[in-house]
Amino acid sequence: AAGLLDGRRATTHWNWCGELADKYPRVKVDP
């Protein structure tokens, strides 16, 4: 939300990886 993951590979709890990818498409989400 602070724009700090834009263009970066990142992960989070598996249950919220989809939300992270949907809300912040510039983040390279790896579940």
PDB file of all heavy atoms in Angstrom:
ATOM      1  N   ALA A   1       0.830  -1.208   0.000  1.00  0.00           N
ATOM      2  CA  ALA A   1       0.000   0.000   0.000  1.00  0.00           C
ATOM      3  C   ALA A   1       0.865   1.259   0.000  1.00  0.00           C
ATOM      4  O   ALA A   1       0.450   2.301  -0.518  1.00  0.00           O
ATOM      5  CB  ALA A   1      -0.926  -0.008   1.215  1.00  0.00           C
ATOM      6  N   ALA A   2       2.063   1.161   0.566  1.00  0.00           N
ATOM      7  CA  ALA A   2       2.984   2.295   0.582  1.00  0.00           C
ATOM      8  C   ALA A   2       3.814   2.376  -0.693  1.00  0.00           C
ATOM      9  O   ALA A   2       4.645   3.276  -0.834  1.00  0.00           O
ATOM     10  CB  ALA A   2       3.907   2.199   1.794  1.00  0.00           C
ATOM     11  N   GLY A   3       3.588   1.438  -1.629  1.00  0.00           N
ATOM     12  CA  GLY A   3       4.311   1.444  -2.898  1.00  0.00           C
ATOM     13  C   GLY A   3       5.711   0.871  -2.814  1.00  0.00           C
ATOM     14  O   GLY A   3       6.490   0.979  -3.767  1.00  0.00           O
ATOM     15  N   LEU A   4       6.044   0.209  -1.714  1.00  0.00           N
ATOM     16  CA  LEU A   4       7.412  -0.244  -1.495  1.00  0.00           C
ATOM     17  C   LEU A   4       7.717  -1.589  -2.132  1.00  0.00           C
ATOM     18  O   LEU A   4       8.884  -1.995  -2.180  1.00  0.00           O
ATOM     19  CB  LEU A   4       7.699  -0.304   0.007  1.00  0.00           C
ATOM     20  CG  LEU A   4       7.527   1.027   0.745  1.00  0.00           C
ATOM     21  CD1 LEU A   4       7.762   0.860   2.226  1.00  0.00           C
ATOM     22  CD2 LEU A   4       8.479   2.071   0.161  1.00  0.00           C
ATOM     23  N   LEU A   5       6.685  -2.275  -2.619  1.00  0.00           N
ATOM     24  CA  LEU A   5       6.911  -3.574  -3.257  1.00  0.00           C
ATOM     25  C   LEU A   5       6.745  -3.521  -4.770  1.00  0.00           C
ATOM     26  O   LEU A   5       6.844  -4.547  -5.440  1.00  0.00           O
ATOM     27  CB  LEU A   5       5.946  -4.632  -2.672  1.00  0.00           C
ATOM     28  CG  LEU A   5       6.076  -4.908  -1.173  1.00  0.00           C
ATOM     29  CD1 LEU A   5       5.118  -6.025  -0.763  1.00  0.00           C
ATOM     30  CD2 LEU A   5       7.510  -5.267  -0.791  1.00  0.00           C
ATOM     31  N   ASP A   6       6.494  -2.350  -5.314  1.00  0.00           N
ATOM     32  CA  ASP A   6       6.325  -2.225  -6.765  1.00  0.00           C
ATOM     33  C   ASP A   6       7.565  -2.734  -7.497  1.00  0.00           C
ATOM     34  O   ASP A   6       8.689  -2.318  -7.199  1.00  0.00           O
ATOM     35  CB  ASP A   6       6.071  -0.772  -7.154  1.00  0.00           C
ATOM     36  CG  ASP A   6       4.690  -0.296  -6.753  1.00  0.00           C
ATOM     37  OD1 ASP A   6       3.902  -1.120  -6.266  1.00  0.00           O
ATOM     38  OD2 ASP A   6       4.405   0.904  -6.931  1.00  0.00           O
ATOM     39  N   GLY A   7       7.345  -3.644  -8.435  1.00  0.00           N
ATOM     40  CA  GLY A   7       8.445  -4.187  -9.217  1.00  0.00           C
ATOM     41  C   GLY A   7       9.288  -5.203  -8.493  1.00  0.00           C
ATOM     42  O   GLY A   7      10.273  -5.693  -9.038  1.00  0.00           O
ATOM     43  N   ARG A   8       8.914  -5.535  -7.277  1.00  0.00           N
ATOM     44  CA  ARG A   8       9.698  -6.479  -6.477  1.00  0.00           C
ATOM     45  C   ARG A   8       8.983  -7.821  -6.338  1.00  0.00           C
ATOM     46  O   ARG A   8       7.760  -7.896  -6.402  1.00  0.00           O
ATOM     47  CB  ARG A   8       9.971  -5.921  -5.075  1.00  0.00           C
ATOM     48  CG  ARG A   8      10.868  -4.701  -5.055  1.00  0.00           C
ATOM     49  CD  ARG A   8      11.128  -4.265  -3.627  1.00  0.00           C
ATOM     50  NE  ARG A   8      11.953  -3.064  -3.558  1.00  0.00           N
ATOM     51  CZ  ARG A   8      13.272  -3.080  -3.472  1.00  0.00           C
ATOM     52  NH1 ARG A   8      13.927  -4.229  -3.444  1.00  0.00           N
ATOM     53  NH2 ARG A   8      13.952  -1.945  -3.401  1.00  0.00           N
ATOM     54  N   ARG A   9       9.756  -8.854  -6.136  1.00  0.00           N
ATOM     55  CA  ARG A   9       9.209 -10.173  -5.804  1.00  0.00           C
ATOM     56  C   ARG A   9       8.897 -10.178  -4.314  1.00  0.00           C
ATOM     57  O   ARG A   9       9.686  -9.697  -3.496  1.00  0.00           O
ATOM     58  CB  ARG A   9      10.236 -11.250  -6.141  1.00  0.00           C
ATOM     59  CG  ARG A   9       9.813 -12.679  -5.834  1.00  0.00           C
ATOM     60  CD  ARG A   9      10.771 -13.685  -6.470  1.00  0.00           C
ATOM     61  NE  ARG A   9      10.577 -15.025  -5.947  1.00  0.00           N
ATOM     62  CZ  ARG A   9      11.367 -15.604  -5.059  1.00  0.00           C
ATOM     63  NH1 ARG A   9      12.433 -14.946  -4.586  1.00  0.00           N
ATOM     64  NH2 ARG A   9      11.125 -16.824  -4.619  1.00  0.00           N
ATOM     65  N   ALA A  10       7.728 -10.707  -3.949  1.00  0.00           N
ATOM     66  CA  ALA A  10       7.305 -10.684  -2.547  1.00  0.00           C
ATOM     67  C   ALA A  10       6.366 -11.840  -2.273  1.00  0.00           C
ATOM     68  O   ALA A  10       5.798 -12.446  -3.184  1.00  0.00           O
ATOM     69  CB  ALA A  10       6.609  -9.359  -2.220  1.00  0.00           C
ATOM     70  N   THR A  11       6.190 -12.137  -0.989  1.00  0.00           N
ATOM     71  CA  THR A  11       5.231 -13.158  -0.582  1.00  0.00           C
ATOM     72  C   THR A  11       4.478 -12.680   0.642  1.00  0.00           C
ATOM     73  O   THR A  11       4.807 -11.651   1.238  1.00  0.00           O
ATOM     74  CB  THR A  11       5.942 -14.501  -0.293  1.00  0.00           C
ATOM     75  OG1 THR A  11       4.976 -15.553  -0.209  1.00  0.00           O
ATOM     76  CG2 THR A  11       6.733 -14.446   1.019  1.00  0.00           C
ATOM     77  N   THR A  12       3.454 -13.420   1.003  1.00  0.00           N
ATOM     78  CA  THR A  12       2.703 -13.176   2.233  1.00  0.00           C
ATOM     79  C   THR A  12       2.005 -14.481   2.586  1.00  0.00           C
ATOM     80  O   THR A  12       2.239 -15.516   1.953  1.00  0.00           O
ATOM     81  CB  THR A  12       1.706 -12.009   2.063  1.00  0.00           C
ATOM     82  OG1 THR A  12       1.126 -11.697   3.347  1.00  0.00           O
ATOM     83  CG2 THR A  12       0.599 -12.335   1.086  1.00  0.00           C
ATOM     84  N   HIS A  13       1.166 -14.464   3.598  1.00  0.00           N
ATOM     85  CA  HIS A  13       0.398 -15.654   3.963  1.00  0.00           C
ATOM     86  C   HIS A  13      -0.355 -16.163   2.736  1.00  0.00           C
ATOM     87  O   HIS A  13      -0.936 -15.376   1.987  1.00  0.00           O
ATOM     88  CB  HIS A  13      -0.588 -15.288   5.077  1.00  0.00           C
ATOM     89  CG  HIS A  13      -1.291 -16.453   5.695  1.00  0.00           C
ATOM     90  ND1 HIS A  13      -2.212 -17.207   5.011  1.00  0.00           N
ATOM     91  CD2 HIS A  13      -1.200 -16.994   6.936  1.00  0.00           C
ATOM     92  CE1 HIS A  13      -2.678 -18.155   5.802  1.00  0.00           C
ATOM     93  NE2 HIS A  13      -2.070 -18.048   6.983  1.00  0.00           N
ATOM     94  N   TRP A  14      -0.331 -17.479   2.528  1.00  0.00           N
ATOM     95  CA  TRP A  14      -0.927 -18.049   1.310  1.00  0.00           C
ATOM     96  C   TRP A  14      -2.373 -17.612   1.112  1.00  0.00           C
ATOM     97  O   TRP A  14      -2.833 -17.451  -0.021  1.00  0.00           O
ATOM     98  CB  TRP A  14      -0.839 -19.576   1.352  1.00  0.00           C
ATOM     99  CG  TRP A  14      -1.590 -20.228   2.490  1.00  0.00           C
ATOM    100  CD1 TRP A  14      -1.097 -20.588   3.709  1.00  0.00           C
ATOM    101  CD2 TRP A  14      -2.981 -20.596   2.512  1.00  0.00           C
ATOM    102  NE1 TRP A  14      -2.078 -21.135   4.487  1.00  0.00           N
ATOM    103  CE2 TRP A  14      -3.250 -21.160   3.779  1.00  0.00           C
ATOM    104  CE3 TRP A  14      -4.013 -20.494   1.580  1.00  0.00           C
ATOM    105  CZ2 TRP A  14      -4.518 -21.624   4.139  1.00  0.00           C
ATOM    106  CZ3 TRP A  14      -5.278 -20.961   1.942  1.00  0.00           C
ATOM    107  CH2 TRP A  14      -5.514 -21.509   3.213  1.00  0.00           C
ATOM    108  N   ASN A  15      -3.105 -17.380   2.213  1.00  0.00           N
ATOM    109  CA  ASN A  15      -4.516 -17.044   2.088  1.00  0.00           C
ATOM    110  C   ASN A  15      -4.734 -15.638   1.519  1.00  0.00           C
ATOM    111  O   ASN A  15      -5.828 -15.317   1.059  1.00  0.00           O
ATOM    112  CB  ASN A  15      -5.195 -17.149   3.460  1.00  0.00           C
ATOM    113  CG  ASN A  15      -6.700 -17.179   3.351  1.00  0.00           C
ATOM    114  OD1 ASN A  15      -7.262 -17.876   2.505  1.00  0.00           O
ATOM    115  ND2 ASN A  15      -7.370 -16.417   4.200  1.00  0.00           N
ATOM    116  N   TRP A  16      -3.684 -14.806   1.558  1.00  0.00           N
ATOM    117  CA  TRP A  16      -3.817 -13.431   1.080  1.00  0.00           C
ATOM    118  C   TRP A  16      -2.908 -13.119  -0.109  1.00  0.00           C
ATOM    119  O   TRP A  16      -2.813 -11.962  -0.515  1.00  0.00           O
ATOM    120  CB  TRP A  16      -3.549 -12.448   2.222  1.00  0.00           C
ATOM    121  CG  TRP A  16      -4.709 -12.364   3.161  1.00  0.00           C
ATOM    122  CD1 TRP A  16      -5.873 -11.658   3.004  1.00  0.00           C
ATOM    123  CD2 TRP A  16      -4.846 -13.048   4.408  1.00  0.00           C
ATOM    124  NE1 TRP A  16      -6.710 -11.845   4.073  1.00  0.00           N
ATOM    125  CE2 TRP A  16      -6.111 -12.711   4.957  1.00  0.00           C
ATOM    126  CE3 TRP A  16      -4.034 -13.921   5.125  1.00  0.00           C
ATOM    127  CZ2 TRP A  16      -6.551 -13.200   6.176  1.00  0.00           C
ATOM    128  CZ3 TRP A  16      -4.480 -14.421   6.337  1.00  0.00           C
ATOM    129  CH2 TRP A  16      -5.731 -14.056   6.846  1.00  0.00           C
ATOM    130  N   CYS A  17      -2.247 -14.141  -0.654  1.00  0.00           N
ATOM    131  CA  CYS A  17      -1.407 -13.896  -1.836  1.00  0.00           C
ATOM    132  C   CYS A  17      -2.258 -13.401  -3.015  1.00  0.00           C
ATOM    133  O   CYS A  17      -1.834 -12.522  -3.771  1.00  0.00           O
ATOM    134  CB  CYS A  17      -0.654 -15.170  -2.230  1.00  0.00           C
ATOM    135  SG  CYS A  17       0.822 -15.473  -1.230  1.00  0.00           S
ATOM    136  N   GLY A  18      -3.452 -13.983  -3.180  1.00  0.00           N
ATOM    137  CA  GLY A  18      -4.335 -13.548  -4.256  1.00  0.00           C
ATOM    138  C   GLY A  18      -4.751 -12.104  -4.090  1.00  0.00           C
ATOM    139  O   GLY A  18      -4.785 -11.330  -5.067  1.00  0.00           O
ATOM    140  N   GLU A  19      -5.063 -11.708  -2.865  1.00  0.00           N
ATOM    141  CA  GLU A  19      -5.443 -10.321  -2.599  1.00  0.00           C
ATOM    142  C   GLU A  19      -4.283  -9.374  -2.871  1.00  0.00           C
ATOM    143  O   GLU A  19      -4.463  -8.295  -3.457  1.00  0.00           O
ATOM    144  CB  GLU A  19      -5.900 -10.178  -1.147  1.00  0.00           C
ATOM    145  CG  GLU A  19      -6.338  -8.766  -0.780  1.00  0.00           C
ATOM    146  CD  GLU A  19      -6.884  -8.663   0.634  1.00  0.00           C
ATOM    147  OE1 GLU A  19      -7.302  -9.697   1.192  1.00  0.00           O
ATOM    148  OE2 GLU A  19      -6.889  -7.542   1.156  1.00  0.00           O
ATOM    149  N   LEU A  20      -3.082  -9.783  -2.483  1.00  0.00           N
ATOM    150  CA  LEU A  20      -1.908  -8.957  -2.733  1.00  0.00           C
ATOM    151  C   LEU A  20      -1.691  -8.766  -4.233  1.00  0.00           C
ATOM    152  O   LEU A  20      -1.427  -7.655  -4.699  1.00  0.00           O
ATOM    153  CB  LEU A  20      -0.676  -9.607  -2.099  1.00  0.00           C
ATOM    154  CG  LEU A  20       0.666  -8.895  -2.284  1.00  0.00           C
ATOM    155  CD1 LEU A  20       0.626  -7.480  -1.717  1.00  0.00           C
ATOM    156  CD2 LEU A  20       1.794  -9.697  -1.638  1.00  0.00           C
ATOM    157  N   ALA A  21      -1.847  -9.845  -4.992  1.00  0.00           N
ATOM    158  CA  ALA A  21      -1.651  -9.761  -6.447  1.00  0.00           C
ATOM    159  C   ALA A  21      -2.742  -8.943  -7.119  1.00  0.00           C
ATOM    160  O   ALA A  21      -2.472  -8.169  -8.049  1.00  0.00           O
ATOM    161  CB  ALA A  21      -1.606 -11.173  -7.034  1.00  0.00           C
ATOM    162  N   ASP A  22      -3.987  -9.095  -6.664  1.00  0.00           N
ATOM    163  CA  ASP A  22      -5.110  -8.382  -7.287  1.00  0.00           C
ATOM    164  C   ASP A  22      -5.057  -6.884  -7.004  1.00  0.00           C
ATOM    165  O   ASP A  22      -5.300  -6.059  -7.900  1.00  0.00           O
ATOM    166  CB  ASP A  22      -6.438  -8.963  -6.786  1.00  0.00           C
ATOM    167  CG  ASP A  22      -6.693 -10.365  -7.304  1.00  0.00           C
ATOM    168  OD1 ASP A  22      -6.041 -10.757  -8.289  1.00  0.00           O
ATOM    169  OD2 ASP A  22      -7.527 -11.079  -6.705  1.00  0.00           O
ATOM    170  N   LYS A  23      -4.785  -6.521  -5.762  1.00  0.00           N
ATOM    171  CA  LYS A  23      -4.807  -5.113  -5.379  1.00  0.00           C
ATOM    172  C   LYS A  23      -3.559  -4.362  -5.835  1.00  0.00           C
ATOM    173  O   LYS A  23      -3.606  -3.154  -6.079  1.00  0.00           O
ATOM    174  CB  LYS A  23      -4.954  -4.983  -3.859  1.00  0.00           C
ATOM    175  CG  LYS A  23      -6.305  -5.422  -3.315  1.00  0.00           C
ATOM    176  CD  LYS A  23      -6.454  -5.059  -1.856  1.00  0.00           C
ATOM    177  CE  LYS A  23      -6.558  -3.561  -1.652  1.00  0.00           C
ATOM    178  NZ  LYS A  23      -6.876  -3.201  -0.254  1.00  0.00           N
ATOM    179  N   TYR A  24      -2.453  -5.102  -5.938  1.00  0.00           N
ATOM    180  CA  TYR A  24      -1.193  -4.446  -6.278  1.00  0.00           C
ATOM    181  C   TYR A  24      -0.521  -5.208  -7.422  1.00  0.00           C
ATOM    182  O   TYR A  24       0.436  -5.970  -7.201  1.00  0.00           O
ATOM    183  CB  TYR A  24      -0.287  -4.384  -5.040  1.00  0.00           C
ATOM    184  CG  TYR A  24      -0.974  -3.744  -3.854  1.00  0.00           C
ATOM    185  CD1 TYR A  24      -1.491  -4.515  -2.816  1.00  0.00           C
ATOM    186  CD2 TYR A  24      -1.139  -2.360  -3.789  1.00  0.00           C
ATOM    187  CE1 TYR A  24      -2.144  -3.933  -1.739  1.00  0.00           C
ATOM    188  CE2 TYR A  24      -1.784  -1.763  -2.714  1.00  0.00           C
ATOM    189  CZ  TYR A  24      -2.288  -2.560  -1.702  1.00  0.00           C
ATOM    190  OH  TYR A  24      -2.938  -1.973  -0.638  1.00  0.00           O
ATOM    191  N   PRO A  25      -1.017  -5.026  -8.645  1.00  0.00           N
ATOM    192  CA  PRO A  25      -0.521  -5.806  -9.789  1.00  0.00           C
ATOM    193  C   PRO A  25       0.940  -5.569 -10.125  1.00  0.00           C
ATOM    194  O   PRO A  25       1.537  -6.365 -10.867  1.00  0.00           O
ATOM    195  CB  PRO A  25      -1.433  -5.360 -10.939  1.00  0.00           C
ATOM    196  CG  PRO A  25      -1.995  -4.038 -10.512  1.00  0.00           C
ATOM    197  CD  PRO A  25      -2.110  -4.113  -9.029  1.00  0.00           C
ATOM    198  N   ARG A  26       1.539  -4.516  -9.614  1.00  0.00           N
ATOM    199  CA  ARG A  26       2.952  -4.257  -9.903  1.00  0.00           C
ATOM    200  C   ARG A  26       3.873  -5.081  -9.006  1.00  0.00           C
ATOM    201  O   ARG A  26       5.086  -5.106  -9.198  1.00  0.00           O
ATOM    202  CB  ARG A  26       3.262  -2.767  -9.742  1.00  0.00           C
ATOM    203  CG  ARG A  26       2.522  -1.865 -10.735  1.00  0.00           C
ATOM    204  CD  ARG A  26       2.951  -0.424 -10.614  1.00  0.00           C
ATOM    205  NE  ARG A  26       4.362  -0.250 -10.958  1.00  0.00           N
ATOM    206  CZ  ARG A  26       5.022   0.897 -10.833  1.00  0.00           C
ATOM    207  NH1 ARG A  26       4.399   1.977 -10.361  1.00  0.00           N
ATOM    208  NH2 ARG A  26       6.300   0.970 -11.158  1.00  0.00           N
ATOM    209  N   VAL A  27       3.299  -5.762  -8.021  1.00  0.00           N
ATOM    210  CA  VAL A  27       4.085  -6.626  -7.140  1.00  0.00           C
ATOM    211  C   VAL A  27       4.191  -8.013  -7.762  1.00  0.00           C
ATOM    212  O   VAL A  27       3.195  -8.573  -8.221  1.00  0.00           O
ATOM    213  CB  VAL A  27       3.446  -6.724  -5.742  1.00  0.00           C
ATOM    214  CG1 VAL A  27       4.286  -7.620  -4.832  1.00  0.00           C
ATOM    215  CG2 VAL A  27       3.290  -5.336  -5.132  1.00  0.00           C
ATOM    216  N   LYS A  28       5.373  -8.583  -7.784  1.00  0.00           N
ATOM    217  CA  LYS A  28       5.592  -9.932  -8.311  1.00  0.00           C
ATOM    218  C   LYS A  28       5.372 -10.932  -7.179  1.00  0.00           C
ATOM    219  O   LYS A  28       6.295 -11.315  -6.469  1.00  0.00           O
ATOM    220  CB  LYS A  28       7.006 -10.055  -8.872  1.00  0.00           C
ATOM    221  CG  LYS A  28       7.314  -9.054  -9.982  1.00  0.00           C
ATOM    222  CD  LYS A  28       8.787  -9.113 -10.383  1.00  0.00           C
ATOM    223  CE  LYS A  28       9.122  -8.058 -11.412  1.00  0.00           C
ATOM    224  NZ  LYS A  28      10.574  -8.051 -11.764  1.00  0.00           N
ATOM    225  N   VAL A  29       4.123 -11.343  -7.009  1.00  0.00           N
ATOM    226  CA  VAL A  29       3.747 -12.178  -5.870  1.00  0.00           C
ATOM    227  C   VAL A  29       4.153 -13.626  -6.114  1.00  0.00           C
ATOM    228  O   VAL A  29       3.802 -14.221  -7.134  1.00  0.00           O
ATOM    229  CB  VAL A  29       2.235 -12.091  -5.604  1.00  0.00           C
ATOM    230  CG1 VAL A  29       1.857 -12.968  -4.407  1.00  0.00           C
ATOM    231  CG2 VAL A  29       1.825 -10.644  -5.360  1.00  0.00           C
ATOM    232  N   ASP A  30       4.890 -14.188  -5.174  1.00  0.00           N
ATOM    233  CA  ASP A  30       5.280 -15.596  -5.211  1.00  0.00           C
ATOM    234  C   ASP A  30       4.648 -16.273  -4.003  1.00  0.00           C
ATOM    235  O   ASP A  30       5.072 -16.035  -2.867  1.00  0.00           O
ATOM    236  CB  ASP A  30       6.804 -15.730  -5.169  1.00  0.00           C
ATOM    237  CG  ASP A  30       7.270 -17.165  -5.387  1.00  0.00           C
ATOM    238  OD1 ASP A  30       6.437 -18.083  -5.269  1.00  0.00           O
ATOM    239  OD2 ASP A  30       8.459 -17.360  -5.675  1.00  0.00           O
ATOM    240  N   PRO A  31       3.627 -17.111  -4.191  1.00  0.00           N
ATOM    241  CA  PRO A  31       2.917 -17.703  -3.054  1.00  0.00           C
ATOM    242  C   PRO A  31       3.646 -18.875  -2.423  1.00  0.00           C
ATOM    243  O   PRO A  31       3.188 -19.426  -1.430  1.00  0.00           O
ATOM    244  CB  PRO A  31       1.599 -18.168  -3.688  1.00  0.00           C
ATOM    245  CG  PRO A  31       1.980 -18.505  -5.097  1.00  0.00           C
ATOM    246  CD  PRO A  31       3.021 -17.480  -5.481  1.00  0.00           C
TER     247      PRO A  31
END
